[in-house]
Amino acid sequence: MRESWQVLELLFRHRGKIIGAIVGVVLSWMVLVFGVWRTLFVIVCMAVGIYAGARIDEDKNTVWRRRN
C-alpha cells in the first residue's frame, strides 16, 4: 500500500515532465503518420478551440454574442 502512495507522489511531483513526454510522443507520432502540414493544421484547430473554450469559460463570449 505504501508503494502505491510513493508512485502517486512521484507522478504528481513530475507531472509536467510526464505530460510533456506524452505530448511529444503524440506529436511525433502524428508527424510520422499524417505529415507535418496536416499535424500543424490539427494543432491550429486545437488552439482555436482552446481559445474559444477559454473565452466561454471566462464568460467573455464576445466571439459568440450578437451585437445589437
C-alpha atoms as a PDB file:
ATOM      1  CA  MET A   1       0.000   0.000   0.000  1.00  0.00           C
ATOM      2  CA  ARG A   2       2.832   2.382   0.829  1.00  0.00           C
ATOM      3  CA  GLU A   3       4.471   1.773  -2.538  1.00  0.00           C
ATOM      4  CA  SER A   4       1.366   2.893  -4.407  1.00  0.00           C
ATOM      5  CA  TRP A   5       1.365   6.192  -2.488  1.00  0.00           C
ATOM      6  CA  GLN A   6       5.030   6.657  -3.317  1.00  0.00           C
ATOM      7  CA  VAL A   7       4.321   6.073  -7.012  1.00  0.00           C
ATOM      8  CA  LEU A   8       1.427   8.552  -6.953  1.00  0.00           C
ATOM      9  CA  GLU A   9       3.591  11.116  -5.168  1.00  0.00           C
ATOM     10  CA  LEU A  10       6.349  10.617  -7.737  1.00  0.00           C
ATOM     11  CA  LEU A  11       3.882  11.011 -10.611  1.00  0.00           C
ATOM     12  CA  PHE A  12       2.380  14.140  -9.053  1.00  0.00           C
ATOM     13  CA  ARG A  13       5.790  15.690  -8.405  1.00  0.00           C
ATOM     14  CA  HIS A  14       6.900  15.160 -12.019  1.00  0.00           C
ATOM     15  CA  ARG A  15       3.549  15.682 -13.760  1.00  0.00           C
ATOM     16  CA  GLY A  16       4.885  18.428 -16.049  1.00  0.00           C
ATOM     17  CA  LYS A  17       7.647  16.193 -17.345  1.00  0.00           C
ATOM     18  CA  ILE A  18       5.239  13.303 -17.819  1.00  0.00           C
ATOM     19  CA  ILE A  19       2.683  15.434 -19.675  1.00  0.00           C
ATOM     20  CA  GLY A  20       5.454  16.920 -21.826  1.00  0.00           C
ATOM     21  CA  ALA A  21       6.747  13.475 -22.721  1.00  0.00           C
ATOM     22  CA  ILE A  22       3.262  12.253 -23.652  1.00  0.00           C
ATOM     23  CA  VAL A  23       2.614  15.347 -25.790  1.00  0.00           C
ATOM     24  CA  GLY A  24       5.969  14.870 -27.506  1.00  0.00           C
ATOM     25  CA  VAL A  25       5.243  11.244 -28.304  1.00  0.00           C
ATOM     26  CA  VAL A  26       1.767  12.070 -29.651  1.00  0.00           C
ATOM     27  CA  LEU A  27       3.066  14.932 -31.811  1.00  0.00           C
ATOM     28  CA  SER A  28       5.919  12.869 -33.219  1.00  0.00           C
ATOM     29  CA  TRP A  29       3.505  10.034 -33.997  1.00  0.00           C
ATOM     30  CA  MET A  30       1.172  12.472 -35.767  1.00  0.00           C
ATOM     31  CA  VAL A  31       4.043  13.875 -37.857  1.00  0.00           C
ATOM     32  CA  LEU A  32       5.103  10.375 -38.869  1.00  0.00           C
ATOM     33  CA  VAL A  33       1.586   9.220 -39.714  1.00  0.00           C
ATOM     34  CA  PHE A  34      -0.066  12.344 -41.152  1.00  0.00           C
ATOM     35  CA  GLY A  35       2.835  14.588 -42.165  1.00  0.00           C
ATOM     36  CA  VAL A  36       3.966  17.979 -40.965  1.00  0.00           C
ATOM     37  CA  TRP A  37       1.279  20.165 -42.599  1.00  0.00           C
ATOM     38  CA  ARG A  38      -1.683  18.075 -41.502  1.00  0.00           C
ATOM     39  CA  THR A  39      -0.257  17.916 -37.982  1.00  0.00           C
ATOM     40  CA  LEU A  40       0.152  21.706 -37.926  1.00  0.00           C
ATOM     41  CA  PHE A  41      -3.439  22.063 -39.150  1.00  0.00           C
ATOM     42  CA  VAL A  42      -4.674  19.898 -36.277  1.00  0.00           C
ATOM     43  CA  ILE A  43      -2.601  21.908 -33.787  1.00  0.00           C
ATOM     44  CA  VAL A  44      -4.012  25.193 -35.109  1.00  0.00           C
ATOM     45  CA  CYS A  45      -7.570  23.838 -34.896  1.00  0.00           C
ATOM     46  CA  MET A  46      -6.925  22.712 -31.317  1.00  0.00           C
ATOM     47  CA  ALA A  47      -5.530  26.144 -30.409  1.00  0.00           C
ATOM     48  CA  VAL A  48      -8.597  27.892 -31.842  1.00  0.00           C
ATOM     49  CA  GLY A  49     -10.858  25.514 -29.919  1.00  0.00           C
ATOM     50  CA  ILE A  50      -8.957  26.058 -26.687  1.00  0.00           C
ATOM     51  CA  TYR A  51      -9.107  29.833 -27.179  1.00  0.00           C
ATOM     52  CA  ALA A  52     -12.851  29.784 -27.851  1.00  0.00           C
ATOM     53  CA  GLY A  53     -13.469  27.476 -24.895  1.00  0.00           C
ATOM     54  CA  ALA A  54     -11.424  29.682 -22.591  1.00  0.00           C
ATOM     55  CA  ARG A  55     -13.379  32.746 -23.695  1.00  0.00           C
ATOM     56  CA  ILE A  56     -16.655  30.977 -22.991  1.00  0.00           C
ATOM     57  CA  ASP A  57     -15.395  29.772 -19.607  1.00  0.00           C
ATOM     58  CA  GLU A  58     -14.359  33.304 -18.683  1.00  0.00           C
ATOM     59  CA  ASP A  59     -17.858  34.470 -19.618  1.00  0.00           C
ATOM     60  CA  LYS A  60     -16.328  36.837 -22.137  1.00  0.00           C
ATOM     61  CA  ASN A  61     -18.037  35.119 -25.003  1.00  0.00           C
ATOM     62  CA  THR A  62     -17.871  38.142 -27.274  1.00  0.00           C
ATOM     63  CA  VAL A  63     -16.962  35.765 -30.055  1.00  0.00           C
ATOM     64  CA  TRP A  64     -20.466  34.277 -29.963  1.00  0.00           C
ATOM     65  CA  ARG A  65     -22.526  37.218 -28.681  1.00  0.00           C
ATOM     66  CA  ARG A  66     -24.857  39.090 -31.001  1.00  0.00           C
ATOM     67  CA  ARG A  67     -24.279  42.776 -31.237  1.00  0.00           C
ATOM     68  CA  ASN A  68     -27.356  44.971 -31.042  1.00  0.00           C
END
